[in-house]
Amino acid sequence: MRVLIVDDNAGTREILRVMLETLGHEVVGEAEDGESALKAFKDLRPEVVLLDIIMPGKNGLVVLGEMLRADRAAKIIMVTAVDQDEVNKQLSLKGAAGAVFKPFSREDISNALAALR
C-alpha cells in the first residue's frame, strides 16, 4: 500500500517508515503537522494515512475530518499515545479506519493495515 506518515516526532516517523517498508509497503511521504499533512494528502493521494492525534497547530482529529471531507473513502489509521475509551469512540464516530497505540510494534502496524483489506 502507498502510505503517508503524519507525526510531529521525527523518530516516530522513522520507526514507522522502516516498519512499513519491511512489511512491503511504500511510504509516499511524511508530514510533521496538520497543514503539511493536508497538502501531502492532496498532492500524493496515498492509499492509507497513519495520523498522529497530538500535533502542533491542527490536531489529528481536525486533520482527520478535513481529509475525510476531501475524500470520503480515505483510509486513515490514527496513531496515538492516548489510550482512553472515549477517544476510541470519537475516532470511530469521526470516521477513522482504525487506531494504533504508542508504543506500537511491527505486528500492531501490520494488523491495522491488514484490517483495511
PDB file of N, CA and C in Angstrom:
ATOM      1  N   MET A   1       0.834  -1.184   0.000  1.00  0.00           N
ATOM      2  CA  MET A   1       0.000   0.000   0.000  1.00  0.00           C
ATOM      3  C   MET A   1       0.880   1.248   0.000  1.00  0.00           C
ATOM      4  N   ARG A   2       0.356   2.309  -0.556  1.00  0.00           N
ATOM      5  CA  ARG A   2       1.031   3.615  -0.567  1.00  0.00           C
ATOM      6  C   ARG A   2       0.589   4.374   0.683  1.00  0.00           C
ATOM      7  N   VAL A   3       1.556   4.702   1.554  1.00  0.00           N
ATOM      8  CA  VAL A   3       1.236   5.230   2.880  1.00  0.00           C
ATOM      9  C   VAL A   3       1.859   6.611   3.098  1.00  0.00           C
ATOM     10  N   LEU A   4       1.071   7.496   3.709  1.00  0.00           N
ATOM     11  CA  LEU A   4       1.540   8.793   4.175  1.00  0.00           C
ATOM     12  C   LEU A   4       1.637   8.719   5.695  1.00  0.00           C
ATOM     13  N   ILE A   5       2.798   9.093   6.243  1.00  0.00           N
ATOM     14  CA  ILE A   5       3.016   9.094   7.692  1.00  0.00           C
ATOM     15  C   ILE A   5       2.930  10.533   8.192  1.00  0.00           C
ATOM     16  N   VAL A   6       2.094  10.749   9.221  1.00  0.00           N
ATOM     17  CA  VAL A   6       1.955  12.089   9.805  1.00  0.00           C
ATOM     18  C   VAL A   6       2.185  11.990  11.313  1.00  0.00           C
ATOM     19  N   ASP A   7       3.287  12.583  11.771  1.00  0.00           N
ATOM     20  CA  ASP A   7       3.609  12.609  13.197  1.00  0.00           C
ATOM     21  C   ASP A   7       4.598  13.741  13.423  1.00  0.00           C
ATOM     22  N   ASP A   8       4.441  14.473  14.514  1.00  0.00           N
ATOM     23  CA  ASP A   8       5.350  15.590  14.771  1.00  0.00           C
ATOM     24  C   ASP A   8       6.714  15.138  15.291  1.00  0.00           C
ATOM     25  N   ASN A   9       6.856  13.873  15.639  1.00  0.00           N
ATOM     26  CA  ASN A   9       8.118  13.344  16.137  1.00  0.00           C
ATOM     27  C   ASN A   9       8.882  12.635  15.019  1.00  0.00           C
ATOM     28  N   ALA A  10      10.064  13.168  14.687  1.00  0.00           N
ATOM     29  CA  ALA A  10      10.862  12.604  13.588  1.00  0.00           C
ATOM     30  C   ALA A  10      11.245  11.147  13.859  1.00  0.00           C
ATOM     31  N   GLY A  11      11.533  10.816  15.114  1.00  0.00           N
ATOM     32  CA  GLY A  11      11.887   9.445  15.464  1.00  0.00           C
ATOM     33  C   GLY A  11      10.737   8.472  15.216  1.00  0.00           C
ATOM     34  N   THR A  12       9.531   8.884  15.555  1.00  0.00           N
ATOM     35  CA  THR A  12       8.355   8.042  15.315  1.00  0.00           C
ATOM     36  C   THR A  12       8.136   7.851  13.813  1.00  0.00           C
ATOM     37  N   ARG A  13       8.299   8.929  13.039  1.00  0.00           N
ATOM     38  CA  ARG A  13       8.151   8.809  11.582  1.00  0.00           C
ATOM     39  C   ARG A  13       9.176   7.826  11.020  1.00  0.00           C
ATOM     40  N   GLU A  14      10.403   7.884  11.505  1.00  0.00           N
ATOM     41  CA  GLU A  14      11.462   6.985  11.035  1.00  0.00           C
ATOM     42  C   GLU A  14      11.133   5.529  11.364  1.00  0.00           C
ATOM     43  N   ILE A  15      10.698   5.279  12.599  1.00  0.00           N
ATOM     44  CA  ILE A  15      10.331   3.914  13.004  1.00  0.00           C
ATOM     45  C   ILE A  15       9.191   3.391  12.137  1.00  0.00           C
ATOM     46  N   LEU A  16       8.175   4.210  11.930  1.00  0.00           N
ATOM     47  CA  LEU A  16       7.047   3.790  11.094  1.00  0.00           C
ATOM     48  C   LEU A  16       7.488   3.519   9.660  1.00  0.00           C
ATOM     49  N   ARG A  17       8.343   4.389   9.121  1.00  0.00           N
ATOM     50  CA  ARG A  17       8.813   4.201   7.747  1.00  0.00           C
ATOM     51  C   ARG A  17       9.536   2.866   7.603  1.00  0.00           C
ATOM     52  N   VAL A  18      10.442   2.573   8.517  1.00  0.00           N
ATOM     53  CA  VAL A  18      11.194   1.317   8.461  1.00  0.00           C
ATOM     54  C   VAL A  18      10.248   0.126   8.592  1.00  0.00           C
ATOM     55  N   MET A  19       9.326   0.188   9.542  1.00  0.00           N
ATOM     56  CA  MET A  19       8.364  -0.917   9.720  1.00  0.00           C
ATOM     57  C   MET A  19       7.545  -1.134   8.455  1.00  0.00           C
ATOM     58  N   LEU A  20       7.023  -0.046   7.909  1.00  0.00           N
ATOM     59  CA  LEU A  20       6.177  -0.148   6.710  1.00  0.00           C
ATOM     60  C   LEU A  20       6.958  -0.724   5.534  1.00  0.00           C
ATOM     61  N   GLU A  21       8.172  -0.246   5.340  1.00  0.00           N
ATOM     62  CA  GLU A  21       8.972  -0.738   4.219  1.00  0.00           C
ATOM     63  C   GLU A  21       9.328  -2.207   4.389  1.00  0.00           C
ATOM     64  N   THR A  22       9.627  -2.645   5.613  1.00  0.00           N
ATOM     65  CA  THR A  22       9.935  -4.068   5.818  1.00  0.00           C
ATOM     66  C   THR A  22       8.687  -4.936   5.652  1.00  0.00           C
ATOM     67  N   LEU A  23       7.513  -4.327   5.796  1.00  0.00           N
ATOM     68  CA  LEU A  23       6.261  -5.055   5.575  1.00  0.00           C
ATOM     69  C   LEU A  23       5.839  -5.027   4.098  1.00  0.00           C
ATOM     70  N   GLY A  24       6.640  -4.354   3.260  1.00  0.00           N
ATOM     71  CA  GLY A  24       6.361  -4.334   1.827  1.00  0.00           C
ATOM     72  C   GLY A  24       5.516  -3.173   1.349  1.00  0.00           C
ATOM     73  N   HIS A  25       5.326  -2.173   2.184  1.00  0.00           N
ATOM     74  CA  HIS A  25       4.528  -1.012   1.798  1.00  0.00           C
ATOM     75  C   HIS A  25       5.439   0.113   1.306  1.00  0.00           C
ATOM     76  N   GLU A  26       4.881   1.024   0.539  1.00  0.00           N
ATOM     77  CA  GLU A  26       5.625   2.163   0.014  1.00  0.00           C
ATOM     78  C   GLU A  26       5.234   3.419   0.790  1.00  0.00           C
ATOM     79  N   VAL A  27       6.220   4.047   1.411  1.00  0.00           N
ATOM     80  CA  VAL A  27       5.974   5.315   2.095  1.00  0.00           C
ATOM     81  C   VAL A  27       6.113   6.414   1.043  1.00  0.00           C
ATOM     82  N   VAL A  28       4.984   7.036   0.712  1.00  0.00           N
ATOM     83  CA  VAL A  28       4.991   8.056  -0.346  1.00  0.00           C
ATOM     84  C   VAL A  28       5.294   9.444   0.185  1.00  0.00           C
ATOM     85  N   GLY A  29       5.214   9.621   1.507  1.00  0.00           N
ATOM     86  CA  GLY A  29       5.504  10.923   2.077  1.00  0.00           C
ATOM     87  C   GLY A  29       5.396  10.916   3.579  1.00  0.00           C
ATOM     88  N   GLU A  30       5.935  11.993   4.174  1.00  0.00           N
ATOM     89  CA  GLU A  30       5.872  12.202   5.612  1.00  0.00           C
ATOM     90  C   GLU A  30       5.492  13.656   5.862  1.00  0.00           C
ATOM     91  N   ALA A  31       4.809  13.888   6.972  1.00  0.00           N
ATOM     92  CA  ALA A  31       4.446  15.254   7.368  1.00  0.00           C
ATOM     93  C   ALA A  31       4.570  15.355   8.876  1.00  0.00           C
ATOM     94  N   GLU A  32       4.898  16.573   9.346  1.00  0.00           N
ATOM     95  CA  GLU A  32       5.103  16.755  10.779  1.00  0.00           C
ATOM     96  C   GLU A  32       4.030  17.590  11.459  1.00  0.00           C
ATOM     97  N   ASP A  33       3.076  18.092  10.673  1.00  0.00           N
ATOM     98  CA  ASP A  33       1.988  18.876  11.272  1.00  0.00           C
ATOM     99  C   ASP A  33       0.756  18.782  10.379  1.00  0.00           C
ATOM    100  N   GLY A  34      -0.346  19.319  10.890  1.00  0.00           N
ATOM    101  CA  GLY A  34      -1.623  19.206  10.187  1.00  0.00           C
ATOM    102  C   GLY A  34      -1.640  19.844   8.817  1.00  0.00           C
ATOM    103  N   GLU A  35      -1.102  21.033   8.697  1.00  0.00           N
ATOM    104  CA  GLU A  35      -1.123  21.737   7.406  1.00  0.00           C
ATOM    105  C   GLU A  35      -0.329  20.991   6.345  1.00  0.00           C
ATOM    106  N   SER A  36       0.889  20.539   6.710  1.00  0.00           N
ATOM    107  CA  SER A  36       1.700  19.812   5.720  1.00  0.00           C
ATOM    108  C   SER A  36       1.073  18.451   5.422  1.00  0.00           C
ATOM    109  N   ALA A  37       0.365  17.870   6.388  1.00  0.00           N
ATOM    110  CA  ALA A  37      -0.324  16.598   6.166  1.00  0.00           C
ATOM    111  C   ALA A  37      -1.425  16.753   5.128  1.00  0.00           C
ATOM    112  N   LEU A  38      -2.202  17.823   5.240  1.00  0.00           N
ATOM    113  CA  LEU A  38      -3.297  18.050   4.294  1.00  0.00           C
ATOM    114  C   LEU A  38      -2.761  18.296   2.876  1.00  0.00           C
ATOM    115  N   LYS A  39      -1.670  19.032   2.778  1.00  0.00           N
ATOM    116  CA  LYS A  39      -1.069  19.279   1.468  1.00  0.00           C
ATOM    117  C   LYS A  39      -0.548  17.968   0.874  1.00  0.00           C
ATOM    118  N   ALA A  40       0.165  17.177   1.685  1.00  0.00           N
ATOM    119  CA  ALA A  40       0.700  15.901   1.200  1.00  0.00           C
ATOM    120  C   ALA A  40      -0.423  14.957   0.804  1.00  0.00           C
ATOM    121  N   PHE A  41      -1.509  14.944   1.572  1.00  0.00           N
ATOM    122  CA  PHE A  41      -2.659  14.089   1.263  1.00  0.00           C
ATOM    123  C   PHE A  41      -3.231  14.452  -0.106  1.00  0.00           C
ATOM    124  N   LYS A  42      -3.360  15.738  -0.346  1.00  0.00           N
ATOM    125  CA  LYS A  42      -3.905  16.212  -1.622  1.00  0.00           C
ATOM    126  C   LYS A  42      -2.949  15.913  -2.779  1.00  0.00           C
ATOM    127  N   ASP A  43      -1.672  16.184  -2.572  1.00  0.00           N
ATOM    128  CA  ASP A  43      -0.678  16.036  -3.647  1.00  0.00           C
ATOM    129  C   ASP A  43      -0.303  14.592  -3.932  1.00  0.00           C
ATOM    130  N   LEU A  44      -0.190  13.760  -2.887  1.00  0.00           N
ATOM    131  CA  LEU A  44       0.346  12.405  -3.043  1.00  0.00           C
ATOM    132  C   LEU A  44      -0.710  11.320  -3.206  1.00  0.00           C
ATOM    133  N   ARG A  45      -1.932  11.606  -2.793  1.00  0.00           N
ATOM    134  CA  ARG A  45      -3.051  10.646  -2.892  1.00  0.00           C
ATOM    135  C   ARG A  45      -2.680   9.257  -2.360  1.00  0.00           C
ATOM    136  N   PRO A  46      -2.281   9.174  -1.080  1.00  0.00           N
ATOM    137  CA  PRO A  46      -1.919   7.869  -0.515  1.00  0.00           C
ATOM    138  C   PRO A  46      -3.136   6.965  -0.373  1.00  0.00           C
ATOM    139  N   GLU A  47      -2.888   5.663  -0.322  1.00  0.00           N
ATOM    140  CA  GLU A  47      -3.966   4.708  -0.091  1.00  0.00           C
ATOM    141  C   GLU A  47      -4.346   4.677   1.387  1.00  0.00           C
ATOM    142  N   VAL A  48      -3.357   4.947   2.244  1.00  0.00           N
ATOM    143  CA  VAL A  48      -3.549   4.913   3.695  1.00  0.00           C
ATOM    144  C   VAL A  48      -2.769   6.060   4.320  1.00  0.00           C
ATOM    145  N   VAL A  49      -3.332   6.631   5.389  1.00  0.00           N
ATOM    146  CA  VAL A  49      -2.633   7.648   6.168  1.00  0.00           C
ATOM    147  C   VAL A  49      -2.504   7.134   7.593  1.00  0.00           C
ATOM    148  N   LEU A  50      -1.281   7.178   8.137  1.00  0.00           N
ATOM    149  CA  LEU A  50      -1.060   6.937   9.559  1.00  0.00           C
ATOM    150  C   LEU A  50      -0.946   8.316  10.188  1.00  0.00           C
ATOM    151  N   LEU A  51      -1.899   8.680  11.038  1.00  0.00           N
ATOM    152  CA  LEU A  51      -2.059  10.053  11.507  1.00  0.00           C
ATOM    153  C   LEU A  51      -2.016  10.155  13.025  1.00  0.00           C
ATOM    154  N   ASP A  52      -1.043  10.902  13.530  1.00  0.00           N
ATOM    155  CA  ASP A  52      -0.931  11.161  14.970  1.00  0.00           C
ATOM    156  C   ASP A  52      -2.062  12.096  15.399  1.00  0.00           C
ATOM    157  N   ILE A  53      -2.469  11.999  16.647  1.00  0.00           N
ATOM    158  CA  ILE A  53      -3.522  12.883  17.147  1.00  0.00           C
ATOM    159  C   ILE A  53      -2.948  14.184  17.705  1.00  0.00           C
ATOM    160  N   ILE A  54      -1.955  14.075  18.572  1.00  0.00           N
ATOM    161  CA  ILE A  54      -1.427  15.259  19.250  1.00  0.00           C
ATOM    162  C   ILE A  54      -0.262  15.826  18.445  1.00  0.00           C
ATOM    163  N   MET A  55      -0.535  16.974  17.791  1.00  0.00           N
ATOM    164  CA  MET A  55       0.459  17.659  16.963  1.00  0.00           C
ATOM    165  C   MET A  55       0.280  19.159  17.139  1.00  0.00           C
ATOM    166  N   PRO A  56       1.332  19.919  16.824  1.00  0.00           N
ATOM    167  CA  PRO A  56       1.181  21.374  16.882  1.00  0.00           C
ATOM    168  C   PRO A  56       0.246  21.865  15.774  1.00  0.00           C
ATOM    169  N   GLY A  57      -0.394  22.987  16.007  1.00  0.00           N
ATOM    170  CA  GLY A  57      -1.330  23.514  15.013  1.00  0.00           C
ATOM    171  C   GLY A  57      -2.591  22.681  15.025  1.00  0.00           C
ATOM    172  N   LYS A  58      -3.020  22.257  13.849  1.00  0.00           N
ATOM    173  CA  LYS A  58      -4.214  21.411  13.758  1.00  0.00           C
ATOM    174  C   LYS A  58      -3.916  20.032  14.325  1.00  0.00           C
ATOM    175  N   ASN A  59      -4.738  19.579  15.267  1.00  0.00           N
ATOM    176  CA  ASN A  59      -4.508  18.240  15.805  1.00  0.00           C
ATOM    177  C   ASN A  59      -5.038  17.187  14.836  1.00  0.00           C
ATOM    178  N   GLY A  60      -4.717  15.945  15.136  1.00  0.00           N
ATOM    179  CA  GLY A  60      -5.079  14.849  14.245  1.00  0.00           C
ATOM    180  C   GLY A  60      -6.560  14.664  14.027  1.00  0.00           C
ATOM    181  N   LEU A  61      -7.384  14.976  15.036  1.00  0.00           N
ATOM    182  CA  LEU A  61      -8.830  14.831  14.861  1.00  0.00           C
ATOM    183  C   LEU A  61      -9.369  15.854  13.864  1.00  0.00           C
ATOM    184  N   VAL A  62      -8.831  17.059  13.896  1.00  0.00           N
ATOM    185  CA  VAL A  62      -9.227  18.086  12.928  1.00  0.00           C
ATOM    186  C   VAL A  62      -8.775  17.674  11.527  1.00  0.00           C
ATOM    187  N   VAL A  63      -7.531  17.197  11.430  1.00  0.00           N
ATOM    188  CA  VAL A  63      -6.987  16.767  10.134  1.00  0.00           C
ATOM    189  C   VAL A  63      -7.779  15.581   9.589  1.00  0.00           C
ATOM    190  N   LEU A  64      -8.130  14.642  10.456  1.00  0.00           N
ATOM    191  CA  LEU A  64      -8.953  13.502  10.059  1.00  0.00           C
ATOM    192  C   LEU A  64     -10.235  13.980   9.397  1.00  0.00           C
ATOM    193  N   GLY A  65     -10.927  14.909  10.037  1.00  0.00           N
ATOM    194  CA  GLY A  65     -12.172  15.433   9.488  1.00  0.00           C
ATOM    195  C   GLY A  65     -11.968  16.095   8.136  1.00  0.00           C
ATOM    196  N   GLU A  66     -10.903  16.872   8.005  1.00  0.00           N
ATOM    197  CA  GLU A  66     -10.652  17.561   6.736  1.00  0.00           C
ATOM    198  C   GLU A  66     -10.287  16.584   5.625  1.00  0.00           C
ATOM    199  N   MET A  67      -9.515  15.558   5.964  1.00  0.00           N
ATOM    200  CA  MET A  67      -9.167  14.552   4.955  1.00  0.00           C
ATOM    201  C   MET A  67     -10.410  13.799   4.489  1.00  0.00           C
ATOM    202  N   LEU A  68     -11.273  13.454   5.415  1.00  0.00           N
ATOM    203  CA  LEU A  68     -12.485  12.722   5.047  1.00  0.00           C
ATOM    204  C   LEU A  68     -13.467  13.595   4.266  1.00  0.00           C
ATOM    205  N   ARG A  69     -13.471  14.897   4.522  1.00  0.00           N
ATOM    206  CA  ARG A  69     -14.302  15.787   3.705  1.00  0.00           C
ATOM    207  C   ARG A  69     -13.759  15.868   2.276  1.00  0.00           C
ATOM    208  N   ALA A  70     -12.444  15.807   2.145  1.00  0.00           N
ATOM    209  CA  ALA A  70     -11.823  15.864   0.815  1.00  0.00           C
ATOM    210  C   ALA A  70     -11.992  14.539   0.070  1.00  0.00           C
ATOM    211  N   ASP A  71     -12.012  13.418   0.819  1.00  0.00           N
ATOM    212  CA  ASP A  71     -12.144  12.091   0.210  1.00  0.00           C
ATOM    213  C   ASP A  71     -12.829  11.179   1.220  1.00  0.00           C
ATOM    214  N   ARG A  72     -14.125  10.985   1.036  1.00  0.00           N
ATOM    215  CA  ARG A  72     -14.918  10.187   1.983  1.00  0.00           C
ATOM    216  C   ARG A  72     -14.439   8.748   2.083  1.00  0.00           C
ATOM    217  N   ALA A  73     -13.723   8.259   1.085  1.00  0.00           N
ATOM    218  CA  ALA A  73     -13.241   6.880   1.092  1.00  0.00           C
ATOM    219  C   ALA A  73     -11.828   6.747   1.668  1.00  0.00           C
ATOM    220  N   ALA A  74     -11.258   7.835   2.152  1.00  0.00           N
ATOM    221  CA  ALA A  74      -9.886   7.801   2.683  1.00  0.00           C
ATOM    222  C   ALA A  74      -9.784   6.795   3.832  1.00  0.00           C
ATOM    223  N   LYS A  75      -8.665   6.070   3.847  1.00  0.00           N
ATOM    224  CA  LYS A  75      -8.391   5.105   4.912  1.00  0.00           C
ATOM    225  C   LYS A  75      -7.341   5.720   5.824  1.00  0.00           C
ATOM    226  N   ILE A  76      -7.787   6.100   7.018  1.00  0.00           N
ATOM    227  CA  ILE A  76      -6.913   6.807   7.947  1.00  0.00           C
ATOM    228  C   ILE A  76      -6.856   6.039   9.261  1.00  0.00           C
ATOM    229  N   ILE A  77      -5.639   5.666   9.639  1.00  0.00           N
ATOM    230  CA  ILE A  77      -5.401   4.968  10.900  1.00  0.00           C
ATOM    231  C   ILE A  77      -4.756   5.962  11.859  1.00  0.00           C
ATOM    232  N   MET A  78      -5.383   6.161  12.984  1.00  0.00           N
ATOM    233  CA  MET A  78      -4.854   7.083  13.974  1.00  0.00           C
ATOM    234  C   MET A  78      -3.763   6.387  14.779  1.00  0.00           C
ATOM    235  N   VAL A  79      -2.684   7.107  15.023  1.00  0.00           N
ATOM    236  CA  VAL A  79      -1.567   6.608  15.828  1.00  0.00           C
ATOM    237  C   VAL A  79      -1.469   7.538  17.024  1.00  0.00           C
ATOM    238  N   THR A  80      -1.644   6.985  18.221  1.00  0.00           N
ATOM    239  CA  THR A  80      -1.744   7.867  19.387  1.00  0.00           C
ATOM    240  C   THR A  80      -1.216   7.234  20.661  1.00  0.00           C
ATOM    241  N   ALA A  81      -0.785   8.080  21.560  1.00  0.00           N
ATOM    242  CA  ALA A  81      -0.403   7.637  22.898  1.00  0.00           C
ATOM    243  C   ALA A  81      -1.604   7.734  23.846  1.00  0.00           C
ATOM    244  N   VAL A  82      -2.681   8.317  23.388  1.00  0.00           N
ATOM    245  CA  VAL A  82      -3.884   8.481  24.199  1.00  0.00           C
ATOM    246  C   VAL A  82      -4.710   7.204  24.085  1.00  0.00           C
ATOM    247  N   ASP A  83      -4.781   6.444  25.165  1.00  0.00           N
ATOM    248  CA  ASP A  83      -5.496   5.167  25.154  1.00  0.00           C
ATOM    249  C   ASP A  83      -6.676   5.239  26.126  1.00  0.00           C
ATOM    250  N   GLN A  84      -7.727   5.882  25.674  1.00  0.00           N
ATOM    251  CA  GLN A  84      -8.911   6.033  26.504  1.00  0.00           C
ATOM    252  C   GLN A  84     -10.134   5.619  25.701  1.00  0.00           C
ATOM    253  N   ASP A  85     -11.078   5.014  26.372  1.00  0.00           N
ATOM    254  CA  ASP A  85     -12.285   4.540  25.694  1.00  0.00           C
ATOM    255  C   ASP A  85     -13.016   5.655  24.958  1.00  0.00           C
ATOM    256  N   GLU A  86     -13.109   6.827  25.573  1.00  0.00           N
ATOM    257  CA  GLU A  86     -13.835   7.932  24.945  1.00  0.00           C
ATOM    258  C   GLU A  86     -13.143   8.378  23.657  1.00  0.00           C
ATOM    259  N   VAL A  87     -11.820   8.405  23.669  1.00  0.00           N
ATOM    260  CA  VAL A  87     -11.075   8.776  22.459  1.00  0.00           C
ATOM    261  C   VAL A  87     -11.315   7.737  21.372  1.00  0.00           C
ATOM    262  N   ASN A  88     -11.285   6.470  21.738  1.00  0.00           N
ATOM    263  CA  ASN A  88     -11.535   5.405  20.758  1.00  0.00           C
ATOM    264  C   ASN A  88     -12.921   5.562  20.137  1.00  0.00           C
ATOM    265  N   LYS A  89     -13.896   5.879  20.946  1.00  0.00           N
ATOM    266  CA  LYS A  89     -15.258   6.076  20.455  1.00  0.00           C
ATOM    267  C   LYS A  89     -15.301   7.255  19.482  1.00  0.00           C
ATOM    268  N   GLN A  90     -14.626   8.360  19.846  1.00  0.00           N
ATOM    269  CA  GLN A  90     -14.582   9.536  18.979  1.00  0.00           C
ATOM    270  C   GLN A  90     -13.933   9.210  17.637  1.00  0.00           C
ATOM    271  N   LEU A  91     -12.852   8.435  17.677  1.00  0.00           N
ATOM    272  CA  LEU A  91     -12.153   8.092  16.436  1.00  0.00           C
ATOM    273  C   LEU A  91     -13.074   7.332  15.500  1.00  0.00           C
ATOM    274  N   SER A  92     -13.792   6.389  16.047  1.00  0.00           N
ATOM    275  CA  SER A  92     -14.720   5.605  15.238  1.00  0.00           C
ATOM    276  C   SER A  92     -15.847   6.479  14.689  1.00  0.00           C
ATOM    277  N   LEU A  93     -16.414   7.320  15.532  1.00  0.00           N
ATOM    278  CA  LEU A  93     -17.506   8.189  15.100  1.00  0.00           C
ATOM    279  C   LEU A  93     -17.042   9.208  14.057  1.00  0.00           C
ATOM    280  N   LYS A  94     -15.802   9.637  14.145  1.00  0.00           N
ATOM    281  CA  LYS A  94     -15.283  10.635  13.217  1.00  0.00           C
ATOM    282  C   LYS A  94     -14.797  10.003  11.908  1.00  0.00           C
ATOM    283  N   GLY A  95     -14.820   8.682  11.811  1.00  0.00           N
ATOM    284  CA  GLY A  95     -14.507   8.031  10.552  1.00  0.00           C
ATOM    285  C   GLY A  95     -13.127   7.421  10.428  1.00  0.00           C
ATOM    286  N   ALA A  96     -12.374   7.331  11.514  1.00  0.00           N
ATOM    287  CA  ALA A  96     -11.063   6.687  11.442  1.00  0.00           C
ATOM    288  C   ALA A  96     -11.253   5.209  11.097  1.00  0.00           C
ATOM    289  N   ALA A  97     -10.363   4.688  10.255  1.00  0.00           N
ATOM    290  CA  ALA A  97     -10.440   3.287   9.851  1.00  0.00           C
ATOM    291  C   ALA A  97      -9.852   2.364  10.905  1.00  0.00           C
ATOM    292  N   GLY A  98      -9.123   2.932  11.864  1.00  0.00           N
ATOM    293  CA  GLY A  98      -8.512   2.127  12.910  1.00  0.00           C
ATOM    294  C   GLY A  98      -7.646   2.993  13.796  1.00  0.00           C
ATOM    295  N   ALA A  99      -7.030   2.336  14.792  1.00  0.00           N
ATOM    296  CA  ALA A  99      -6.144   3.048  15.707  1.00  0.00           C
ATOM    297  C   ALA A  99      -5.017   2.122  16.128  1.00  0.00           C
ATOM    298  N   VAL A 100      -3.846   2.713  16.290  1.00  0.00           N
ATOM    299  CA  VAL A 100      -2.674   2.016  16.798  1.00  0.00           C
ATOM    300  C   VAL A 100      -2.168   2.850  17.965  1.00  0.00           C
ATOM    301  N   PHE A 101      -1.872   2.194  19.078  1.00  0.00           N
ATOM    302  CA  PHE A 101      -1.481   2.913  20.280  1.00  0.00           C
ATOM    303  C   PHE A 101       0.024   2.815  20.531  1.00  0.00           C
ATOM    304  N   LYS A 102       0.612   3.975  20.852  1.00  0.00           N
ATOM    305  CA  LYS A 102       2.035   4.042  21.182  1.00  0.00           C
ATOM    306  C   LYS A 102       2.238   3.533  22.610  1.00  0.00           C
ATOM    307  N   PRO A 103       3.288   2.786  22.882  1.00  0.00           N
ATOM    308  CA  PRO A 103       4.269   2.293  21.916  1.00  0.00           C
ATOM    309  C   PRO A 103       3.676   1.143  21.104  1.00  0.00           C
ATOM    310  N   PHE A 104       3.950   1.137  19.823  1.00  0.00           N
ATOM    311  CA  PHE A 104       3.390   0.122  18.923  1.00  0.00           C
ATOM    312  C   PHE A 104       4.499  -0.823  18.473  1.00  0.00           C
ATOM    313  N   SER A 105       4.071  -1.958  17.963  1.00  0.00           N
ATOM    314  CA  SER A 105       5.014  -2.950  17.439  1.00  0.00           C
ATOM    315  C   SER A 105       4.796  -3.095  15.934  1.00  0.00           C
ATOM    316  N   ARG A 106       5.704  -3.768  15.287  1.00  0.00           N
ATOM    317  CA  ARG A 106       5.573  -4.069  13.853  1.00  0.00           C
ATOM    318  C   ARG A 106       4.270  -4.843  13.616  1.00  0.00           C
ATOM    319  N   GLU A 107       3.949  -5.745  14.537  1.00  0.00           N
ATOM    320  CA  GLU A 107       2.719  -6.536  14.423  1.00  0.00           C
ATOM    321  C   GLU A 107       1.472  -5.656  14.522  1.00  0.00           C
ATOM    322  N   ASP A 108       1.506  -4.654  15.406  1.00  0.00           N
ATOM    323  CA  ASP A 108       0.370  -3.726  15.533  1.00  0.00           C
ATOM    324  C   ASP A 108       0.111  -3.011  14.204  1.00  0.00           C
ATOM    325  N   ILE A 109       1.193  -2.534  13.577  1.00  0.00           N
ATOM    326  CA  ILE A 109       1.069  -1.827  12.298  1.00  0.00           C
ATOM    327  C   ILE A 109       0.572  -2.785  11.225  1.00  0.00           C
ATOM    328  N   SER A 110       1.141  -3.974  11.181  1.00  0.00           N
ATOM    329  CA  SER A 110       0.729  -4.977  10.195  1.00  0.00           C
ATOM    330  C   SER A 110      -0.751  -5.329  10.344  1.00  0.00           C
ATOM    331  N   ASN A 111      -1.202  -5.541  11.573  1.00  0.00           N
ATOM    332  CA  ASN A 111      -2.608  -5.902  11.829  1.00  0.00           C
ATOM    333  C   ASN A 111      -3.546  -4.765  11.438  1.00  0.00           C
ATOM    334  N   ALA A 112      -3.160  -3.532  11.748  1.00  0.00           N
ATOM    335  CA  ALA A 112      -4.015  -2.380  11.419  1.00  0.00           C
ATOM    336  C   ALA A 112      -4.164  -2.248   9.894  1.00  0.00           C
ATOM    337  N   LEU A 113      -3.084  -2.449   9.159  1.00  0.00           N
ATOM    338  CA  LEU A 113      -3.157  -2.364   7.698  1.00  0.00           C
ATOM    339  C   LEU A 113      -3.922  -3.537   7.114  1.00  0.00           C
ATOM    340  N   ALA A 114      -3.733  -4.720   7.666  1.00  0.00           N
ATOM    341  CA  ALA A 114      -4.450  -5.912   7.177  1.00  0.00           C
ATOM    342  C   ALA A 114      -5.952  -5.764   7.380  1.00  0.00           C
ATOM    343  N   ALA A 115      -6.358  -5.085   8.451  1.00  0.00           N
ATOM    344  CA  ALA A 115      -7.788  -4.900   8.731  1.00  0.00           C
ATOM    345  C   ALA A 115      -8.469  -4.017   7.687  1.00  0.00           C
ATOM    346  N   LEU A 116      -7.703  -3.258   6.926  1.00  0.00           N
ATOM    347  CA  LEU A 116      -8.271  -2.380   5.898  1.00  0.00           C
ATOM    348  C   LEU A 116      -8.684  -3.135   4.640  1.00  0.00           C
ATOM    349  N   ARG A 117      -8.167  -4.308   4.468  1.00  0.00           N
ATOM    350  CA  ARG A 117      -8.406  -5.069   3.222  1.00  0.00           C
ATOM    351  C   ARG A 117      -9.720  -5.777   3.226  1.00  0.00           C
TER     352      ARG A 117
END
